N, C-alpha and C. Protein backbone atom coordinates (compact mmCIF):
# COMPACT_ATOMS: atom_id res chain seq x y z
N MET A 1 84.26 137.83 8.06
CA MET A 1 83.70 139.14 8.34
C MET A 1 83.14 139.13 9.77
N ASN A 2 83.52 140.15 10.54
CA ASN A 2 83.11 140.22 11.94
C ASN A 2 81.70 140.81 12.03
N LEU A 3 80.73 139.98 12.38
CA LEU A 3 79.35 140.46 12.52
C LEU A 3 78.91 140.34 13.97
N ARG A 4 79.76 140.75 14.88
CA ARG A 4 79.44 140.67 16.31
C ARG A 4 78.90 142.00 16.83
N TYR A 5 77.92 142.49 16.13
CA TYR A 5 77.31 143.76 16.51
C TYR A 5 76.06 143.51 17.35
N GLU A 6 75.78 144.46 18.22
CA GLU A 6 74.55 144.40 19.00
C GLU A 6 73.36 144.56 18.06
N ILE A 7 72.34 143.74 18.27
CA ILE A 7 71.10 143.82 17.50
C ILE A 7 69.96 144.07 18.48
N ILE A 8 69.18 145.10 18.19
CA ILE A 8 67.99 145.38 18.99
C ILE A 8 66.80 144.87 18.19
N LEU A 9 66.00 144.03 18.81
CA LEU A 9 64.88 143.40 18.12
C LEU A 9 63.60 143.68 18.90
N TYR A 10 62.60 144.19 18.21
CA TYR A 10 61.34 144.51 18.90
C TYR A 10 60.16 144.38 17.93
N TRP A 11 58.98 144.29 18.50
CA TRP A 11 57.74 144.22 17.73
C TRP A 11 57.23 145.63 17.50
N SER A 12 56.84 145.94 16.27
CA SER A 12 56.28 147.24 15.93
C SER A 12 54.81 147.07 15.58
N GLU A 13 53.96 147.62 16.43
CA GLU A 13 52.51 147.57 16.15
C GLU A 13 52.20 148.32 14.85
N GLU A 14 52.86 149.47 14.67
CA GLU A 14 52.62 150.29 13.49
C GLU A 14 52.94 149.55 12.19
N ASP A 15 54.07 148.83 12.19
CA ASP A 15 54.49 148.09 11.00
C ASP A 15 53.94 146.67 10.95
N GLU A 16 53.42 146.22 12.09
CA GLU A 16 52.96 144.84 12.23
C GLU A 16 54.05 143.85 11.81
N ALA A 17 55.24 144.11 12.36
CA ALA A 17 56.40 143.28 12.04
C ALA A 17 57.42 143.40 13.16
N PHE A 18 58.33 142.43 13.21
CA PHE A 18 59.48 142.53 14.10
C PHE A 18 60.51 143.40 13.39
N ILE A 19 61.12 144.31 14.14
CA ILE A 19 62.13 145.21 13.61
C ILE A 19 63.46 144.88 14.28
N ALA A 20 64.52 144.78 13.47
CA ALA A 20 65.87 144.55 13.98
C ALA A 20 66.73 145.73 13.58
N GLU A 21 67.44 146.30 14.54
CA GLU A 21 68.31 147.45 14.31
C GLU A 21 69.70 147.16 14.83
N VAL A 22 70.70 147.70 14.15
CA VAL A 22 72.09 147.59 14.59
C VAL A 22 72.58 149.00 14.90
N PRO A 23 72.59 149.39 16.18
CA PRO A 23 72.93 150.76 16.55
C PRO A 23 74.32 151.23 16.08
N ASP A 24 75.28 150.32 16.00
CA ASP A 24 76.64 150.69 15.60
C ASP A 24 76.77 150.97 14.10
N LEU A 25 75.78 150.54 13.30
CA LEU A 25 75.81 150.74 11.86
C LEU A 25 74.62 151.62 11.48
N PRO A 26 74.82 152.93 11.37
CA PRO A 26 73.71 153.85 11.13
C PRO A 26 72.85 153.45 9.92
N GLY A 27 71.55 153.40 10.15
CA GLY A 27 70.61 153.08 9.08
C GLY A 27 70.47 151.60 8.80
N CYS A 28 71.14 150.75 9.57
CA CYS A 28 71.11 149.30 9.35
C CYS A 28 69.90 148.74 10.09
N VAL A 29 68.81 148.54 9.34
CA VAL A 29 67.53 148.10 9.91
C VAL A 29 66.91 147.08 8.97
N ALA A 30 66.24 146.09 9.55
CA ALA A 30 65.51 145.09 8.76
C ALA A 30 64.24 144.73 9.52
N ASP A 31 63.35 144.07 8.82
CA ASP A 31 62.12 143.63 9.48
C ASP A 31 61.81 142.19 9.07
N GLY A 32 60.78 141.64 9.69
CA GLY A 32 60.34 140.30 9.37
C GLY A 32 59.02 140.00 10.04
N GLU A 33 58.30 139.05 9.46
CA GLU A 33 57.02 138.65 10.04
C GLU A 33 57.20 137.89 11.34
N THR A 34 58.36 137.25 11.51
CA THR A 34 58.67 136.52 12.73
C THR A 34 60.00 137.03 13.30
N TYR A 35 60.23 136.71 14.55
CA TYR A 35 61.48 137.04 15.23
C TYR A 35 62.67 136.49 14.43
N GLN A 36 62.57 135.22 14.03
CA GLN A 36 63.64 134.55 13.31
C GLN A 36 63.88 135.19 11.94
N GLU A 37 62.80 135.56 11.25
CA GLU A 37 62.94 136.18 9.94
C GLU A 37 63.63 137.54 10.05
N ALA A 38 63.28 138.31 11.06
CA ALA A 38 63.93 139.61 11.26
C ALA A 38 65.43 139.43 11.52
N LEU A 39 65.81 138.42 12.30
CA LEU A 39 67.23 138.16 12.56
C LEU A 39 67.95 137.72 11.30
N GLN A 40 67.33 136.87 10.51
CA GLN A 40 67.95 136.44 9.24
C GLN A 40 68.13 137.63 8.31
N ASN A 41 67.12 138.48 8.24
CA ASN A 41 67.19 139.64 7.35
C ASN A 41 68.25 140.63 7.80
N ILE A 42 68.39 140.85 9.11
CA ILE A 42 69.38 141.83 9.57
C ILE A 42 70.79 141.32 9.33
N GLU A 43 71.01 140.02 9.37
CA GLU A 43 72.34 139.48 9.06
C GLU A 43 72.72 139.80 7.62
N ILE A 44 71.77 139.67 6.71
CA ILE A 44 72.02 140.00 5.30
C ILE A 44 72.30 141.49 5.14
N ILE A 45 71.48 142.32 5.79
CA ILE A 45 71.63 143.77 5.68
C ILE A 45 72.95 144.23 6.29
N MET A 46 73.38 143.62 7.40
CA MET A 46 74.67 143.96 8.01
C MET A 46 75.81 143.69 7.03
N GLN A 47 75.79 142.53 6.38
CA GLN A 47 76.84 142.19 5.42
C GLN A 47 76.84 143.19 4.27
N GLU A 48 75.65 143.52 3.76
CA GLU A 48 75.55 144.47 2.66
C GLU A 48 76.01 145.86 3.09
N TRP A 49 75.66 146.27 4.31
CA TRP A 49 76.07 147.58 4.83
C TRP A 49 77.59 147.68 4.83
N ILE A 50 78.24 146.64 5.35
CA ILE A 50 79.70 146.62 5.43
C ILE A 50 80.34 146.60 4.05
N GLU A 51 79.81 145.78 3.13
CA GLU A 51 80.35 145.71 1.78
C GLU A 51 80.26 147.06 1.07
N ILE A 52 79.14 147.73 1.20
CA ILE A 52 78.96 149.03 0.55
C ILE A 52 79.89 150.07 1.17
N ALA A 53 80.00 150.06 2.50
CA ALA A 53 80.90 150.99 3.17
C ALA A 53 82.34 150.79 2.69
N GLN A 54 82.76 149.53 2.53
CA GLN A 54 84.11 149.24 2.05
C GLN A 54 84.30 149.78 0.63
N LYS A 55 83.32 149.55 -0.24
CA LYS A 55 83.43 150.03 -1.63
C LYS A 55 83.51 151.55 -1.70
N LEU A 56 82.83 152.22 -0.77
CA LEU A 56 82.83 153.68 -0.74
C LEU A 56 84.00 154.26 0.04
N GLY A 57 84.83 153.38 0.61
CA GLY A 57 86.00 153.82 1.37
C GLY A 57 85.66 154.41 2.72
N ARG A 58 84.53 154.05 3.27
CA ARG A 58 84.10 154.57 4.57
C ARG A 58 84.62 153.70 5.71
N THR A 59 84.76 154.31 6.85
CA THR A 59 85.20 153.60 8.05
C THR A 59 84.07 152.71 8.55
N ILE A 60 84.41 151.49 8.88
CA ILE A 60 83.44 150.55 9.43
C ILE A 60 83.63 150.52 10.94
N PRO A 61 82.60 150.90 11.70
CA PRO A 61 82.73 150.93 13.16
C PRO A 61 83.03 149.54 13.73
N GLU A 62 83.86 149.53 14.75
CA GLU A 62 84.11 148.29 15.48
C GLU A 62 82.89 147.99 16.35
N PRO A 63 82.55 146.72 16.50
CA PRO A 63 81.45 146.39 17.41
C PRO A 63 81.80 146.81 18.83
N LYS A 64 80.83 147.37 19.53
CA LYS A 64 81.04 147.73 20.93
C LYS A 64 81.07 146.44 21.75
N GLN A 65 82.03 146.34 22.62
CA GLN A 65 82.16 145.16 23.48
C GLN A 65 81.43 145.40 24.78
N ARG A 66 80.15 145.10 24.81
CA ARG A 66 79.33 145.34 25.99
C ARG A 66 79.58 144.27 27.07
N LEU A 67 79.83 143.05 26.64
CA LEU A 67 80.09 141.97 27.58
C LEU A 67 81.51 141.47 27.38
N LYS A 68 82.24 141.36 28.44
CA LYS A 68 83.61 140.84 28.38
C LYS A 68 83.60 139.41 28.88
N SER A 69 84.21 138.51 28.11
CA SER A 69 84.30 137.12 28.55
C SER A 69 85.46 136.97 29.51
N ALA A 70 85.30 136.08 30.43
CA ALA A 70 86.33 135.88 31.46
C ALA A 70 87.46 135.06 30.96
């Protein structure tokens, strides 16, 4: 499964947690008490997002290629 999506990770004072978002997958958000926990949680949520989209017959967006390797 291709999980090469951009992840935005930031600290939320309001939530008192790190928030991880995947802009290419609408509504794909996770949190965690630590930076590492938020990243682990978003990986799980990304997989679940894709699995549910497949079951519902929805199109799964391709990851945006922001950086091109030489």
